Amino acid sequence: MNILGLQHVNVEHPGYFLKLLREDGHSYHGVELDAGETIPPLDNYDGLWVMGGAMDVWEEEKFPWLVREKQFIKEAVIDFGIPYLGVCLGHQLLAEALGGSVGPAETPEIGVLEVQLTEAGAQGVFFDGLPEQFKCLQWHSSEVIGLPSDAEVLASSADCTVQALKWGTRAYSVQFHLEVEQDTVENWAKISAYSDVLESVMGKGGVEALSSNCKKQISDFNNNAERVYLNWMQTSAHT
């Protein structure tokens, strides 16, 4: 497969997913929208991955490329039926592009926290092989507050109802991060918007604490990422 990736800040790339993709002989072309790069036509791509970012989906005046990105996602998913995987901002962009809504979270989630699969999530393909409750990295202060028509919620948490969603047969997205690598927290913390909200929730020393927590969980994180990656690949093969 040749995957097109939409990125919004250079440190938020597919991470561990990219390692798995390349090990399997697939290719990935990342487009850095915040750096002014242009989204190419979909003709040469077999899948669309949309990653996280520090901006919010409604900040179109500040980040005008969001307008085109949302339209592109809508066309890709609805018109082309291209397999889609969204992470964090990519999850929120999918929801809004398909007619849902996103807003500030009542309780920002930052840390290694638990999510719970819904009945649909536990019975479906996307999370097959994962426990019904598992820990993951959360780092968001916005969330999906209104579902698109015909979307299913696959996972929830105590503070965020829509932790994962499915639309149609080949569009999936998660609010949390599965793609974590050993240096993910340190790299993201170099962005002041990320480190500021992290310290507001976890206090001084939050970066070091979160990094340590992630490293303790990295084996489980990577195993879950591999399962979801393989499951997504399986759904992408369906016509």
Protein backbone atom coordinates (compact mmCIF):
# COMPACT_ATOMS: atom_id res chain seq x y z
CA MET A 1 0.00 0.00 0.00
CA ASN A 2 0.99 3.60 -0.57
CA ILE A 3 -0.29 5.70 2.34
CA LEU A 4 -0.82 9.46 2.23
CA GLY A 5 -0.30 11.11 5.61
CA LEU A 6 -1.55 14.55 6.61
CA GLN A 7 0.62 16.01 9.38
CA HIS A 8 0.16 19.22 11.35
CA VAL A 9 3.44 19.50 13.23
CA ASN A 10 6.66 17.72 12.32
CA VAL A 11 7.00 15.79 15.61
CA GLU A 12 3.53 14.22 15.27
CA HIS A 13 4.13 11.57 12.66
CA PRO A 14 2.89 7.96 12.55
CA GLY A 15 5.61 6.86 14.98
CA TYR A 16 5.46 3.14 15.69
CA PHE A 17 2.87 2.69 12.94
CA LEU A 18 5.46 3.93 10.44
CA LYS A 19 7.94 1.30 11.62
CA LEU A 20 5.35 -1.43 11.10
CA LEU A 21 4.35 -0.04 7.71
CA ARG A 22 7.91 -0.01 6.41
CA GLU A 23 8.70 -3.47 7.83
CA ASP A 24 5.81 -4.78 5.72
CA GLY A 25 7.13 -3.11 2.57
CA HIS A 26 4.46 -0.41 2.34
CA SER A 27 5.25 3.24 1.64
CA TYR A 28 4.25 6.47 3.35
CA HIS A 29 4.21 10.03 2.02
CA GLY A 30 3.75 12.65 4.73
CA VAL A 31 2.49 16.13 3.83
CA GLU A 32 3.32 18.84 6.38
CA LEU A 33 0.29 21.14 6.19
CA ASP A 34 1.56 23.58 8.85
CA ALA A 35 4.66 24.14 6.68
CA GLY A 36 2.55 25.09 3.66
CA GLU A 37 2.84 21.81 1.77
CA THR A 38 0.02 21.03 -0.65
CA ILE A 39 -2.22 17.99 -0.45
CA PRO A 40 -1.65 15.88 -3.59
CA PRO A 41 -4.41 14.14 -5.56
CA LEU A 42 -5.56 10.84 -4.08
CA ASP A 43 -5.09 8.91 -7.33
CA ASN A 44 -1.78 7.32 -6.35
CA TYR A 45 -2.68 6.43 -2.76
CA ASP A 46 -4.37 3.44 -1.16
CA GLY A 47 -5.02 4.90 2.29
CA LEU A 48 -5.17 8.16 4.23
CA TRP A 49 -3.68 8.67 7.68
CA VAL A 50 -4.33 11.96 9.49
CA MET A 51 -2.18 12.65 12.53
CA GLY A 52 -2.37 14.91 15.59
CA GLY A 53 -1.52 18.57 16.05
CA ALA A 54 -1.59 21.43 18.52
CA MET A 55 -4.30 23.37 16.66
CA ASP A 56 -8.06 22.92 17.04
CA VAL A 57 -10.43 22.04 14.21
CA TRP A 58 -12.25 25.38 14.53
CA GLU A 59 -9.12 27.57 14.20
CA GLU A 60 -9.61 28.13 10.48
CA GLU A 61 -8.70 31.83 10.56
CA LYS A 62 -5.39 31.06 12.24
CA PHE A 63 -4.75 27.95 10.14
CA PRO A 64 -6.59 28.49 6.83
CA TRP A 65 -5.38 25.18 5.39
CA LEU A 66 -7.82 23.44 7.77
CA VAL A 67 -10.67 24.37 5.43
CA ARG A 68 -9.15 22.48 2.50
CA GLU A 69 -8.07 19.60 4.73
CA LYS A 70 -11.60 19.00 6.01
CA GLN A 71 -13.01 19.09 2.49
CA PHE A 72 -10.30 16.68 1.33
CA ILE A 73 -11.08 14.25 4.16
CA LYS A 74 -14.79 14.38 3.34
CA GLU A 75 -14.14 13.67 -0.34
CA ALA A 76 -11.62 10.93 0.42
CA VAL A 77 -13.89 9.07 2.83
CA ILE A 78 -17.32 9.63 1.26
CA ASP A 79 -16.62 9.95 -2.46
CA PHE A 80 -13.54 7.76 -2.85
CA GLY A 81 -14.18 5.35 0.03
CA ILE A 82 -10.47 5.38 0.79
CA PRO A 83 -9.35 3.55 3.97
CA TYR A 84 -8.84 6.18 6.70
CA LEU A 85 -7.00 6.19 10.01
CA GLY A 86 -7.18 9.30 12.20
CA VAL A 87 -5.29 9.96 15.43
CA CYS A 88 -6.16 12.72 17.95
CA LEU A 89 -6.66 15.81 15.74
CA GLY A 90 -7.15 13.37 12.84
CA HIS A 91 -9.99 11.79 14.84
CA GLN A 92 -11.63 15.15 15.44
CA LEU A 93 -11.18 16.23 11.81
CA LEU A 94 -12.89 13.06 10.58
CA ALA A 95 -15.85 13.67 12.88
CA GLU A 96 -16.28 17.29 11.78
CA ALA A 97 -15.67 16.59 8.09
CA LEU A 98 -18.49 14.03 8.14
CA GLY A 99 -20.97 16.35 9.86
CA GLY A 100 -20.20 15.84 13.56
CA SER A 101 -18.95 18.49 15.96
CA VAL A 102 -15.88 19.11 18.11
CA GLY A 103 -15.49 21.39 21.13
CA PRO A 104 -13.33 22.04 24.20
CA ALA A 105 -13.19 19.11 26.57
CA GLU A 106 -14.81 19.60 29.96
CA THR A 107 -11.92 17.63 31.42
CA PRO A 108 -8.69 17.59 29.36
CA GLU A 109 -7.07 14.17 29.38
CA ILE A 110 -3.30 14.09 29.69
CA GLY A 111 -1.35 11.10 30.92
CA VAL A 112 -1.33 7.34 30.69
CA LEU A 113 -5.04 6.66 31.14
CA GLU A 114 -7.53 3.87 30.56
CA VAL A 115 -10.08 3.55 27.79
CA GLN A 116 -12.93 1.05 27.63
CA LEU A 117 -14.18 -0.60 24.46
CA THR A 118 -17.88 -0.27 23.78
CA GLU A 119 -19.90 -3.31 22.75
CA ALA A 120 -19.41 -2.33 19.10
CA GLY A 121 -15.69 -1.89 19.68
CA ALA A 122 -15.29 -5.22 21.45
CA GLN A 123 -17.18 -7.09 18.72
CA GLY A 124 -15.66 -5.33 15.71
CA VAL A 125 -12.49 -5.89 13.69
CA PHE A 126 -10.58 -2.69 14.54
CA PHE A 127 -9.83 -3.54 18.18
CA ASP A 128 -9.78 -7.32 17.73
CA GLY A 129 -7.15 -8.83 20.02
CA LEU A 130 -7.08 -5.93 22.48
CA PRO A 131 -8.47 -6.21 26.00
CA GLU A 132 -11.78 -4.47 26.65
CA GLN A 133 -9.95 -2.03 28.91
CA PHE A 134 -6.41 -0.88 28.24
CA LYS A 135 -4.01 1.97 28.98
CA CYS A 136 -2.91 4.49 26.38
CA LEU A 137 -1.33 7.92 26.05
CA GLN A 138 -3.83 10.78 26.17
CA TRP A 139 -2.87 14.38 25.37
CA HIS A 140 -5.92 16.41 24.35
CA SER A 141 -8.05 19.29 25.57
CA SER A 142 -10.71 19.10 22.81
CA GLU A 143 -13.02 16.23 21.93
CA VAL A 144 -15.78 15.03 19.64
CA ILE A 145 -19.04 16.24 21.17
CA GLY A 146 -21.43 15.36 18.32
CA LEU A 147 -21.22 12.21 16.19
CA PRO A 148 -21.59 12.21 12.42
CA SER A 149 -24.65 10.36 11.12
CA ASP A 150 -24.15 6.59 10.96
CA ALA A 151 -20.95 6.71 13.05
CA GLU A 152 -20.35 4.14 15.78
CA VAL A 153 -18.46 4.77 19.02
CA LEU A 154 -15.88 2.02 19.53
CA ALA A 155 -14.27 3.18 22.78
CA SER A 156 -14.95 5.62 25.62
CA SER A 157 -13.38 6.83 28.86
CA ALA A 158 -14.72 8.38 32.04
CA ASP A 159 -14.03 11.90 30.76
CA CYS A 160 -14.49 11.47 26.99
CA THR A 161 -17.37 9.57 25.40
CA VAL A 162 -15.98 9.34 21.87
CA GLN A 163 -12.51 7.84 22.25
CA ALA A 164 -12.74 5.94 18.97
CA LEU A 165 -15.18 5.87 16.11
CA LYS A 166 -16.00 4.01 12.94
CA TRP A 167 -17.80 5.38 9.90
CA GLY A 168 -18.75 3.13 7.03
CA THR A 169 -16.54 0.08 6.62
CA ARG A 170 -13.09 1.64 6.19
CA ALA A 171 -12.88 4.88 8.20
CA TYR A 172 -11.57 4.61 11.75
CA SER A 173 -10.17 7.09 14.24
CA VAL A 174 -8.94 7.29 17.82
CA GLN A 175 -8.67 10.23 20.22
CA PHE A 176 -5.77 8.60 22.07
CA HIS A 177 -2.27 7.72 20.91
CA LEU A 178 -1.26 4.20 19.92
CA GLU A 179 1.80 5.25 17.91
CA VAL A 180 3.99 6.00 20.94
CA GLU A 181 7.76 5.47 20.73
CA GLN A 182 10.49 5.78 23.37
CA ASP A 183 11.10 9.48 22.61
CA THR A 184 7.53 10.58 21.81
CA VAL A 185 6.85 12.53 25.02
CA GLU A 186 10.18 14.37 24.94
CA ASN A 187 9.69 15.33 21.30
CA TRP A 188 6.14 16.58 21.80
CA ALA A 189 7.08 18.48 24.94
CA LYS A 190 9.39 20.69 22.85
CA ILE A 191 6.21 22.36 21.57
CA SER A 192 5.17 24.96 24.13
CA ALA A 193 1.44 24.45 23.47
CA TYR A 194 1.87 20.82 24.47
CA SER A 195 4.21 21.29 27.41
CA ASP A 196 2.09 24.14 28.84
CA VAL A 197 -1.11 22.10 28.94
CA LEU A 198 0.81 19.09 30.24
CA GLU A 199 2.20 21.05 33.18
CA SER A 200 -1.18 22.66 33.85
CA VAL A 201 -2.63 19.18 34.39
CA MET A 202 0.33 17.25 35.84
CA GLY A 203 2.30 20.06 37.47
CA LYS A 204 6.02 20.85 37.24
CA GLY A 205 8.01 17.81 36.27
CA GLY A 206 5.05 16.55 34.29
CA VAL A 207 7.11 15.91 31.18
CA GLU A 208 9.54 13.66 33.02
CA ALA A 209 6.72 11.86 34.85
CA LEU A 210 4.73 11.23 31.67
CA SER A 211 7.81 10.10 29.79
CA SER A 212 8.64 7.63 32.57
CA ASN A 213 5.07 6.31 32.63
CA CYS A 214 5.08 5.78 28.87
CA LYS A 215 8.38 3.93 28.94
CA LYS A 216 7.01 1.56 31.57
CA GLN A 217 4.06 0.82 29.28
CA ILE A 218 5.92 0.85 25.96
CA SER A 219 5.75 -2.92 25.40
CA ASP A 220 1.95 -2.92 25.82
CA PHE A 221 1.65 0.28 23.76
CA ASN A 222 3.61 -1.29 20.89
CA ASN A 223 1.70 -4.57 21.06
CA ASN A 224 -1.63 -2.71 20.92
CA ALA A 225 -0.38 -0.55 18.06
CA GLU A 226 0.62 -3.62 16.08
CA ARG A 227 -2.75 -5.29 16.63
CA VAL A 228 -4.66 -2.18 15.56
CA TYR A 229 -2.34 -1.67 12.58
CA LEU A 230 -2.94 -5.24 11.40
CA ASN A 231 -6.68 -4.90 12.00
CA TRP A 232 -6.80 -1.63 10.04
CA MET A 233 -4.94 -3.29 7.20
CA GLN A 234 -7.55 -6.05 7.23
CA THR A 235 -10.43 -3.54 7.03
CA SER A 236 -8.67 -1.63 4.24
CA ALA A 237 -8.62 -4.73 2.09
CA HIS A 238 -12.43 -5.01 2.15
CA THR A 239 -14.26 -3.70 -0.88
